[in-house]
PDB file of N, CA and C in Angstrom:
ATOM      1  N   MET A   1       2.551   0.216 -41.302  1.00  0.00           N
ATOM      2  CA  MET A   1       2.087   1.563 -41.543  1.00  0.00           C
ATOM      3  C   MET A   1       3.286   2.500 -41.642  1.00  0.00           C
ATOM      4  N   GLU A   2       3.232   3.405 -42.560  1.00  0.00           N
ATOM      5  CA  GLU A   2       4.330   4.342 -42.764  1.00  0.00           C
ATOM      6  C   GLU A   2       4.267   5.454 -41.721  1.00  0.00           C
ATOM      7  N   GLY A   3       5.405   5.796 -41.133  1.00  0.00           N
ATOM      8  CA  GLY A   3       5.472   6.749 -40.034  1.00  0.00           C
ATOM      9  C   GLY A   3       4.928   8.136 -40.312  1.00  0.00           C
ATOM     10  N   SER A   4       5.186   8.702 -41.476  1.00  0.00           N
ATOM     11  CA  SER A   4       4.763  10.073 -41.743  1.00  0.00           C
ATOM     12  C   SER A   4       3.263  10.194 -41.992  1.00  0.00           C
ATOM     13  N   LYS A   5       2.575   9.086 -42.139  1.00  0.00           N
ATOM     14  CA  LYS A   5       1.137   9.113 -42.399  1.00  0.00           C
ATOM     15  C   LYS A   5       0.321   8.697 -41.179  1.00  0.00           C
ATOM     16  N   THR A   6       0.981   8.547 -40.027  1.00  0.00           N
ATOM     17  CA  THR A   6       0.286   8.059 -38.836  1.00  0.00           C
ATOM     18  C   THR A   6       0.509   8.965 -37.632  1.00  0.00           C
ATOM     19  N   TRP A   7      -0.462   8.922 -36.722  1.00  0.00           N
ATOM     20  CA  TRP A   7      -0.323   9.521 -35.401  1.00  0.00           C
ATOM     21  C   TRP A   7      -0.118   8.379 -34.415  1.00  0.00           C
ATOM     22  N   VAL A   8       0.643   8.633 -33.377  1.00  0.00           N
ATOM     23  CA  VAL A   8       0.791   7.677 -32.281  1.00  0.00           C
ATOM     24  C   VAL A   8      -0.187   8.088 -31.188  1.00  0.00           C
ATOM     25  N   VAL A   9      -0.971   7.140 -30.702  1.00  0.00           N
ATOM     26  CA  VAL A   9      -1.904   7.405 -29.606  1.00  0.00           C
ATOM     27  C   VAL A   9      -1.501   6.531 -28.423  1.00  0.00           C
ATOM     28  N   TRP A  10      -0.963   7.163 -27.399  1.00  0.00           N
ATOM     29  CA  TRP A  10      -0.616   6.477 -26.158  1.00  0.00           C
ATOM     30  C   TRP A  10      -1.809   6.570 -25.216  1.00  0.00           C
ATOM     31  N   PRO A  11      -2.085   5.555 -24.421  1.00  0.00           N
ATOM     32  CA  PRO A  11      -3.172   5.642 -23.443  1.00  0.00           C
ATOM     33  C   PRO A  11      -3.037   6.853 -22.510  1.00  0.00           C
ATOM     34  N   ALA A  12      -1.824   7.255 -22.185  1.00  0.00           N
ATOM     35  CA  ALA A  12      -1.607   8.414 -21.310  1.00  0.00           C
ATOM     36  C   ALA A  12      -2.203   9.692 -21.892  1.00  0.00           C
ATOM     37  N   TYR A  13      -2.280   9.797 -23.212  1.00  0.00           N
ATOM     38  CA  TYR A  13      -2.850  10.982 -23.854  1.00  0.00           C
ATOM     39  C   TYR A  13      -4.312  11.180 -23.469  1.00  0.00           C
ATOM     40  N   LEU A  14      -5.007  10.090 -23.154  1.00  0.00           N
ATOM     41  CA  LEU A  14      -6.450  10.121 -22.932  1.00  0.00           C
ATOM     42  C   LEU A  14      -6.843   9.901 -21.475  1.00  0.00           C
ATOM     43  N   ASP A  15      -5.881   9.669 -20.594  1.00  0.00           N
ATOM     44  CA  ASP A  15      -6.137   9.250 -19.217  1.00  0.00           C
ATOM     45  C   ASP A  15      -6.476  10.434 -18.311  1.00  0.00           C
ATOM     46  N   ALA A  16      -7.683  10.421 -17.742  1.00  0.00           N
ATOM     47  CA  ALA A  16      -8.146  11.499 -16.866  1.00  0.00           C
ATOM     48  C   ALA A  16      -7.339  11.584 -15.576  1.00  0.00           C
ATOM     49  N   GLU A  17      -6.683  10.511 -15.198  1.00  0.00           N
ATOM     50  CA  GLU A  17      -5.911  10.506 -13.959  1.00  0.00           C
ATOM     51  C   GLU A  17      -4.506  11.082 -14.136  1.00  0.00           C
ATOM     52  N   LYS A  18      -4.121  11.364 -15.361  1.00  0.00           N
ATOM     53  CA  LYS A  18      -2.800  11.944 -15.639  1.00  0.00           C
ATOM     54  C   LYS A  18      -2.922  13.462 -15.731  1.00  0.00           C
ATOM     55  N   SER A  19      -1.844  14.143 -15.388  1.00  0.00           N
ATOM     56  CA  SER A  19      -1.795  15.596 -15.570  1.00  0.00           C
ATOM     57  C   SER A  19      -1.249  15.889 -16.962  1.00  0.00           C
ATOM     58  N   ARG A  20      -1.305  17.138 -17.360  1.00  0.00           N
ATOM     59  CA  ARG A  20      -0.741  17.515 -18.657  1.00  0.00           C
ATOM     60  C   ARG A  20       0.753  17.205 -18.690  1.00  0.00           C
ATOM     61  N   SER A  21       1.441  17.461 -17.581  1.00  0.00           N
ATOM     62  CA  SER A  21       2.885  17.197 -17.555  1.00  0.00           C
ATOM     63  C   SER A  21       3.203  15.706 -17.588  1.00  0.00           C
ATOM     64  N   GLN A  22       2.235  14.873 -17.250  1.00  0.00           N
ATOM     65  CA  GLN A  22       2.414  13.422 -17.319  1.00  0.00           C
ATOM     66  C   GLN A  22       2.013  12.862 -18.673  1.00  0.00           C
ATOM     67  N   GLY A  23       1.535  13.730 -19.575  1.00  0.00           N
ATOM     68  CA  GLY A  23       1.272  13.287 -20.932  1.00  0.00           C
ATOM     69  C   GLY A  23      -0.153  13.412 -21.438  1.00  0.00           C
ATOM     70  N   ARG A  24      -1.110  13.782 -20.565  1.00  0.00           N
ATOM     71  CA  ARG A  24      -2.497  13.898 -21.039  1.00  0.00           C
ATOM     72  C   ARG A  24      -2.591  15.019 -22.067  1.00  0.00           C
ATOM     73  N   MET A  25      -3.293  14.770 -23.174  1.00  0.00           N
ATOM     74  CA  MET A  25      -3.387  15.754 -24.253  1.00  0.00           C
ATOM     75  C   MET A  25      -4.812  16.238 -24.509  1.00  0.00           C
ATOM     76  N   VAL A  26      -5.779  15.747 -23.758  1.00  0.00           N
ATOM     77  CA  VAL A  26      -7.162  16.201 -23.905  1.00  0.00           C
ATOM     78  C   VAL A  26      -7.596  16.846 -22.587  1.00  0.00           C
ATOM     79  N   PRO A  27      -8.602  17.722 -22.625  1.00  0.00           N
ATOM     80  CA  PRO A  27      -9.089  18.308 -21.376  1.00  0.00           C
ATOM     81  C   PRO A  27      -9.555  17.219 -20.410  1.00  0.00           C
ATOM     82  N   ARG A  28      -9.350  17.452 -19.128  1.00  0.00           N
ATOM     83  CA  ARG A  28      -9.682  16.437 -18.124  1.00  0.00           C
ATOM     84  C   ARG A  28     -11.158  16.037 -18.174  1.00  0.00           C
ATOM     85  N   ASP A  29     -12.047  16.989 -18.443  1.00  0.00           N
ATOM     86  CA  ASP A  29     -13.476  16.653 -18.475  1.00  0.00           C
ATOM     87  C   ASP A  29     -13.855  15.807 -19.693  1.00  0.00           C
ATOM     88  N   GLU A  30     -13.003  15.754 -20.704  1.00  0.00           N
ATOM     89  CA  GLU A  30     -13.250  14.903 -21.874  1.00  0.00           C
ATOM     90  C   GLU A  30     -12.445  13.604 -21.822  1.00  0.00           C
ATOM     91  N   ALA A  31     -11.462  13.549 -20.933  1.00  0.00           N
ATOM     92  CA  ALA A  31     -10.593  12.372 -20.821  1.00  0.00           C
ATOM     93  C   ALA A  31     -11.355  11.219 -20.162  1.00  0.00           C
ATOM     94  N   ILE A  32     -10.774  10.026 -20.227  1.00  0.00           N
ATOM     95  CA  ILE A  32     -11.397   8.838 -19.648  1.00  0.00           C
ATOM     96  C   ILE A  32     -10.438   8.198 -18.650  1.00  0.00           C
ATOM     97  N   ARG A  33     -10.984   7.428 -17.728  1.00  0.00           N
ATOM     98  CA  ARG A  33     -10.154   6.783 -16.714  1.00  0.00           C
ATOM     99  C   ARG A  33      -9.572   5.487 -17.253  1.00  0.00           C
ATOM    100  N   GLU A  34      -8.289   5.336 -17.084  1.00  0.00           N
ATOM    101  CA  GLU A  34      -7.563   4.112 -17.423  1.00  0.00           C
ATOM    102  C   GLU A  34      -7.924   3.539 -18.796  1.00  0.00           C
ATOM    103  N   PRO A  35      -7.660   4.273 -19.858  1.00  0.00           N
ATOM    104  CA  PRO A  35      -7.944   3.742 -21.194  1.00  0.00           C
ATOM    105  C   PRO A  35      -7.012   2.581 -21.531  1.00  0.00           C
ATOM    106  N   LYS A  36      -7.524   1.612 -22.209  1.00  0.00           N
ATOM    107  CA  LYS A  36      -6.741   0.445 -22.632  1.00  0.00           C
ATOM    108  C   LYS A  36      -6.455   0.534 -24.123  1.00  0.00           C
ATOM    109  N   VAL A  37      -5.375  -0.081 -24.548  1.00  0.00           N
ATOM    110  CA  VAL A  37      -4.982  -0.065 -25.957  1.00  0.00           C
ATOM    111  C   VAL A  37      -6.084  -0.672 -26.830  1.00  0.00           C
ATOM    112  N   ASP A  38      -6.718  -1.731 -26.356  1.00  0.00           N
ATOM    113  CA  ASP A  38      -7.791  -2.364 -27.132  1.00  0.00           C
ATOM    114  C   ASP A  38      -8.975  -1.418 -27.324  1.00  0.00           C
ATOM    115  N   GLU A  39      -9.322  -0.658 -26.279  1.00  0.00           N
ATOM    116  CA  GLU A  39     -10.415   0.307 -26.397  1.00  0.00           C
ATOM    117  C   GLU A  39     -10.080   1.386 -27.421  1.00  0.00           C
ATOM    118  N   ILE A  40      -8.846   1.846 -27.390  1.00  0.00           N
ATOM    119  CA  ILE A  40      -8.407   2.865 -28.348  1.00  0.00           C
ATOM    120  C   ILE A  40      -8.475   2.307 -29.763  1.00  0.00           C
ATOM    121  N   ALA A  41      -8.029   1.076 -29.935  1.00  0.00           N
ATOM    122  CA  ALA A  41      -8.053   0.453 -31.262  1.00  0.00           C
ATOM    123  C   ALA A  41      -9.484   0.289 -31.776  1.00  0.00           C
ATOM    124  N   TYR A  42     -10.414  -0.167 -30.916  1.00  0.00           N
ATOM    125  CA  TYR A  42     -11.810  -0.323 -31.343  1.00  0.00           C
ATOM    126  C   TYR A  42     -12.423   1.023 -31.711  1.00  0.00           C
ATOM    127  N   ALA A  43     -12.114   2.059 -30.925  1.00  0.00           N
ATOM    128  CA  ALA A  43     -12.621   3.400 -31.242  1.00  0.00           C
ATOM    129  C   ALA A  43     -12.061   3.874 -32.577  1.00  0.00           C
ATOM    130  N   ALA A  44     -10.790   3.598 -32.818  1.00  0.00           N
ATOM    131  CA  ALA A  44     -10.162   3.999 -34.082  1.00  0.00           C
ATOM    132  C   ALA A  44     -10.782   3.262 -35.266  1.00  0.00           C
ATOM    133  N   ILE A  45     -11.134   2.000 -35.077  1.00  0.00           N
ATOM    134  CA  ILE A  45     -11.816   1.244 -36.135  1.00  0.00           C
ATOM    135  C   ILE A  45     -13.153   1.901 -36.450  1.00  0.00           C
ATOM    136  N   GLU A  46     -13.914   2.252 -35.403  1.00  0.00           N
ATOM    137  CA  GLU A  46     -15.205   2.916 -35.598  1.00  0.00           C
ATOM    138  C   GLU A  46     -15.058   4.223 -36.371  1.00  0.00           C
ATOM    139  N   LEU A  47     -13.943   4.919 -36.145  1.00  0.00           N
ATOM    140  CA  LEU A  47     -13.711   6.211 -36.792  1.00  0.00           C
ATOM    141  C   LEU A  47     -13.033   6.065 -38.151  1.00  0.00           C
ATOM    142  N   GLY A  48     -12.758   4.832 -38.565  1.00  0.00           N
ATOM    143  CA  GLY A  48     -12.152   4.580 -39.871  1.00  0.00           C
ATOM    144  C   GLY A  48     -10.696   4.992 -39.962  1.00  0.00           C
ATOM    145  N   LEU A  49      -9.946   4.795 -38.872  1.00  0.00           N
ATOM    146  CA  LEU A  49      -8.555   5.245 -38.808  1.00  0.00           C
ATOM    147  C   LEU A  49      -7.531   4.138 -39.029  1.00  0.00           C
ATOM    148  N   ASP A  50      -7.957   2.939 -39.360  1.00  0.00           N
ATOM    149  CA  ASP A  50      -7.067   1.813 -39.656  1.00  0.00           C
ATOM    150  C   ASP A  50      -5.967   1.656 -38.602  1.00  0.00           C
ATOM    151  N   PRO A  51      -6.331   1.307 -37.356  1.00  0.00           N
ATOM    152  CA  PRO A  51      -5.343   1.249 -36.275  1.00  0.00           C
ATOM    153  C   PRO A  51      -4.390   0.060 -36.372  1.00  0.00           C
ATOM    154  N   GLU A  52      -3.217   0.255 -35.821  1.00  0.00           N
ATOM    155  CA  GLU A  52      -2.226  -0.812 -35.683  1.00  0.00           C
ATOM    156  C   GLU A  52      -1.751  -0.784 -34.234  1.00  0.00           C
ATOM    157  N   VAL A  53      -1.978  -1.865 -33.495  1.00  0.00           N
ATOM    158  CA  VAL A  53      -1.637  -1.935 -32.078  1.00  0.00           C
ATOM    159  C   VAL A  53      -0.217  -2.453 -31.913  1.00  0.00           C
ATOM    160  N   GLU A  54       0.546  -1.767 -31.081  1.00  0.00           N
ATOM    161  CA  GLU A  54       1.895  -2.208 -30.705  1.00  0.00           C
ATOM    162  C   GLU A  54       1.910  -2.359 -29.191  1.00  0.00           C
ATOM    163  N   ARG A  55       1.734  -3.583 -28.719  1.00  0.00           N
ATOM    164  CA  ARG A  55       1.566  -3.846 -27.288  1.00  0.00           C
ATOM    165  C   ARG A  55       2.853  -3.753 -26.471  1.00  0.00           C
ATOM    166  N   ASP A  56       3.986  -3.924 -27.080  1.00  0.00           N
ATOM    167  CA  ASP A  56       5.243  -3.990 -26.330  1.00  0.00           C
ATOM    168  C   ASP A  56       5.911  -2.633 -26.132  1.00  0.00           C
ATOM    169  N   LYS A  57       5.282  -1.552 -26.502  1.00  0.00           N
ATOM    170  CA  LYS A  57       5.892  -0.227 -26.416  1.00  0.00           C
ATOM    171  C   LYS A  57       5.598   0.420 -25.063  1.00  0.00           C
ATOM    172  N   CYS A  58       6.542   1.241 -24.598  1.00  0.00           N
ATOM    173  CA  CYS A  58       6.339   1.954 -23.340  1.00  0.00           C
ATOM    174  C   CYS A  58       6.392   3.460 -23.578  1.00  0.00           C
ATOM    175  N   PHE A  59       5.512   4.186 -22.900  1.00  0.00           N
ATOM    176  CA  PHE A  59       5.434   5.638 -23.003  1.00  0.00           C
ATOM    177  C   PHE A  59       6.708   6.226 -22.401  1.00  0.00           C
ATOM    178  N   PRO A  60       7.401   7.107 -23.108  1.00  0.00           N
ATOM    179  CA  PRO A  60       8.687   7.616 -22.624  1.00  0.00           C
ATOM    180  C   PRO A  60       8.642   8.246 -21.234  1.00  0.00           C
ATOM    181  N   ASN A  61       7.532   8.885 -20.879  1.00  0.00           N
ATOM    182  CA  ASN A  61       7.431   9.537 -19.579  1.00  0.00           C
ATOM    183  C   ASN A  61       7.257   8.535 -18.439  1.00  0.00           C
ATOM    184  N   SER A  62       6.799   7.343 -18.739  1.00  0.00           N
ATOM    185  CA  SER A  62       6.680   6.280 -17.734  1.00  0.00           C
ATOM    186  C   SER A  62       7.249   4.996 -18.334  1.00  0.00           C
ATOM    187  N   TRP A  63       8.542   5.002 -18.543  1.00  0.00           N
ATOM    188  CA  TRP A  63       9.247   3.923 -19.231  1.00  0.00           C
ATOM    189  C   TRP A  63       9.140   2.582 -18.516  1.00  0.00           C
ATOM    190  N   TYR A  64       8.794   2.579 -17.247  1.00  0.00           N
ATOM    191  CA  TYR A  64       8.720   1.349 -16.458  1.00  0.00           C
ATOM    192  C   TYR A  64       7.397   0.607 -16.664  1.00  0.00           C
ATOM    193  N   GLU A  65       6.415   1.250 -17.320  1.00  0.00           N
ATOM    194  CA  GLU A  65       5.147   0.600 -17.644  1.00  0.00           C
ATOM    195  C   GLU A  65       5.138   0.265 -19.128  1.00  0.00           C
ATOM    196  N   ARG A  66       4.394  -0.742 -19.510  1.00  0.00           N
ATOM    197  CA  ARG A  66       4.284  -1.107 -20.928  1.00  0.00           C
ATOM    198  C   ARG A  66       2.811  -1.154 -21.335  1.00  0.00           C
ATOM    199  N   PRO A  67       2.199   0.021 -21.458  1.00  0.00           N
ATOM    200  CA  PRO A  67       0.782   0.031 -21.817  1.00  0.00           C
ATOM    201  C   PRO A  67       0.525  -0.244 -23.290  1.00  0.00           C
ATOM    202  N   GLY A  68       1.557  -0.128 -24.110  1.00  0.00           N
ATOM    203  CA  GLY A  68       1.387  -0.265 -25.549  1.00  0.00           C
ATOM    204  C   GLY A  68       0.982   1.061 -26.165  1.00  0.00           C
ATOM    205  N   ARG A  69       0.803   1.050 -27.483  1.00  0.00           N
ATOM    206  CA  ARG A  69       0.377   2.248 -28.194  1.00  0.00           C
ATOM    207  C   ARG A  69      -0.390   1.829 -29.436  1.00  0.00           C
ATOM    208  N   VAL A  70      -1.081   2.798 -30.027  1.00  0.00           N
ATOM    209  CA  VAL A  70      -1.860   2.538 -31.232  1.00  0.00           C
ATOM    210  C   VAL A  70      -1.443   3.548 -32.291  1.00  0.00           C
ATOM    211  N   LEU A  71      -1.131   3.059 -33.480  1.00  0.00           N
ATOM    212  CA  LEU A  71      -0.842   3.932 -34.614  1.00  0.00           C
ATOM    213  C   LEU A  71      -2.119   4.060 -35.430  1.00  0.00           C
ATOM    214  N   VAL A  72      -2.485   5.301 -35.765  1.00  0.00           N
ATOM    215  CA  VAL A  72      -3.702   5.540 -36.550  1.00  0.00           C
ATOM    216  C   VAL A  72      -3.378   6.466 -37.711  1.00  0.00           C
ATOM    217  N   LEU A  73      -4.187   6.389 -38.747  1.00  0.00           N
ATOM    218  CA  LEU A  73      -4.005   7.257 -39.905  1.00  0.00           C
ATOM    219  C   LEU A  73      -4.238   8.713 -39.520  1.00  0.00           C
ATOM    220  N   LYS A  74      -3.452   9.603 -40.104  1.00  0.00           N
ATOM    221  CA  LYS A  74      -3.634  11.034 -39.869  1.00  0.00           C
ATOM    222  C   LYS A  74      -4.872  11.496 -40.615  1.00  0.00           C
ATOM    223  N   LYS A  75      -5.842  11.965 -39.864  1.00  0.00           N
ATOM    224  CA  LYS A  75      -7.056  12.543 -40.448  1.00  0.00           C
ATOM    225  C   LYS A  75      -7.420  13.747 -39.603  1.00  0.00           C
ATOM    226  N   GLY A  76      -7.030  14.920 -40.038  1.00  0.00           N
ATOM    227  CA  GLY A  76      -7.309  16.135 -39.283  1.00  0.00           C
ATOM    228  C   GLY A  76      -6.284  16.370 -38.189  1.00  0.00           C
ATOM    229  N   ALA A  77      -6.615  17.301 -37.307  1.00  0.00           N
ATOM    230  CA  ALA A  77      -5.716  17.675 -36.209  1.00  0.00           C
ATOM    231  C   ALA A  77      -5.656  16.564 -35.160  1.00  0.00           C
ATOM    232  N   LYS A  78      -4.499  16.403 -34.561  1.00  0.00           N
ATOM    233  CA  LYS A  78      -4.319  15.338 -33.574  1.00  0.00           C
ATOM    234  C   LYS A  78      -5.210  15.558 -32.349  1.00  0.00           C
ATOM    235  N   SER A  79      -5.329  16.801 -31.880  1.00  0.00           N
ATOM    236  CA  SER A  79      -6.148  17.064 -30.696  1.00  0.00           C
ATOM    237  C   SER A  79      -7.616  16.719 -30.951  1.00  0.00           C
ATOM    238  N   ALA A  80      -8.117  17.048 -32.129  1.00  0.00           N
ATOM    239  CA  ALA A  80      -9.506  16.717 -32.477  1.00  0.00           C
ATOM    240  C   ALA A  80      -9.683  15.209 -32.579  1.00  0.00           C
ATOM    241  N   LEU A  81      -8.709  14.531 -33.136  1.00  0.00           N
ATOM    242  CA  LEU A  81      -8.761  13.076 -33.261  1.00  0.00           C
ATOM    243  C   LEU A  81      -8.796  12.417 -31.879  1.00  0.00           C
ATOM    244  N   LEU A  82      -7.968  12.892 -30.951  1.00  0.00           N
ATOM    245  CA  LEU A  82      -7.937  12.326 -29.603  1.00  0.00           C
ATOM    246  C   LEU A  82      -9.272  12.534 -28.894  1.00  0.00           C
ATOM    247  N   ARG A  83      -9.882  13.688 -29.081  1.00  0.00           N
ATOM    248  CA  ARG A  83     -11.193  13.949 -28.475  1.00  0.00           C
ATOM    249  C   ARG A  83     -12.260  13.018 -29.046  1.00  0.00           C
ATOM    250  N   ARG A  84     -12.213  12.777 -30.349  1.00  0.00           N
ATOM    251  CA  ARG A  84     -13.180  11.865 -30.968  1.00  0.00           C
ATOM    252  C   ARG A  84     -12.997  10.443 -30.438  1.00  0.00           C
ATOM    253  N   ILE A  85     -11.748  10.026 -30.261  1.00  0.00           N
ATOM    254  CA  ILE A  85     -11.479   8.696 -29.699  1.00  0.00           C
ATOM    255  C   ILE A  85     -12.036   8.605 -28.280  1.00  0.00           C
ATOM    256  N   CYS A  86     -11.833   9.641 -27.468  1.00  0.00           N
ATOM    257  CA  CYS A  86     -12.370   9.653 -26.099  1.00  0.00           C
ATOM    258  C   CYS A  86     -13.891   9.537 -26.101  1.00  0.00           C
ATOM    259  N   ARG A  87     -14.547  10.302 -26.970  1.00  0.00           N
ATOM    260  CA  ARG A  87     -16.009  10.248 -27.050  1.00  0.00           C
ATOM    261  C   ARG A  87     -16.489   8.848 -27.427  1.00  0.00           C
ATOM    262  N   SER A  88     -15.793   8.228 -28.362  1.00  0.00           N
ATOM    263  CA  SER A  88     -16.170   6.888 -28.803  1.00  0.00           C
ATOM    264  C   SER A  88     -16.000   5.870 -27.675  1.00  0.00           C
ATOM    265  N   ILE A  89     -14.914   5.956 -26.940  1.00  0.00           N
ATOM    266  CA  ILE A  89     -14.676   5.032 -25.821  1.00  0.00           C
ATOM    267  C   ILE A  89     -15.719   5.256 -24.730  1.00  0.00           C
ATOM    268  N   ARG A  90     -15.997   6.514 -24.423  1.00  0.00           N
ATOM    269  CA  ARG A  90     -16.989   6.826 -23.392  1.00  0.00           C
ATOM    270  C   ARG A  90     -18.358   6.261 -23.776  1.00  0.00           C
ATOM    271  N   LYS A  91     -18.720   6.377 -25.044  1.00  0.00           N
ATOM    272  CA  LYS A  91     -20.004   5.858 -25.524  1.00  0.00           C
ATOM    273  C   LYS A  91     -20.054   4.333 -25.375  1.00  0.00           C
ATOM    274  N   LYS A  92     -18.954   3.655 -25.680  1.00  0.00           N
ATOM    275  CA  LYS A  92     -18.892   2.186 -25.569  1.00  0.00           C
ATOM    276  C   LYS A  92     -18.986   1.718 -24.120  1.00  0.00           C
ATOM    277  N   ARG A  93     -18.416   2.484 -23.203  1.00  0.00           N
ATOM    278  CA  ARG A  93     -18.400   2.081 -21.795  1.00  0.00           C
ATOM    279  C   ARG A  93     -19.770   2.192 -21.138  1.00  0.00           C
ATOM    280  N   ARG A  94     -20.667   2.956 -21.696  1.00  0.00           N
ATOM    281  CA  ARG A  94     -21.999   3.117 -21.079  1.00  0.00           C
ATOM    282  C   ARG A  94     -22.815   1.870 -21.155  1.00  0.00           C
TER     283      ARG A  94
END
């Protein structure tokens, strides 16, 4: 996937247990607990975002963990995209 056409989605962006300074990018009431890269990828598939999983990557703010990341196609604003991914994951977990 070409870099300028993709957003990077780190699990920390969606994690309800993280603070904004730790990397969370969605409101806490919309965030989810301990999101996994696979869940993010499945949600992105449902949303038609053509995800690409990179499991060996580490979030810069917590370089000692290797949660991986997901590259998705840019479709709209990043904040709106992250909220849609959270909603999709929450729906799947029920």
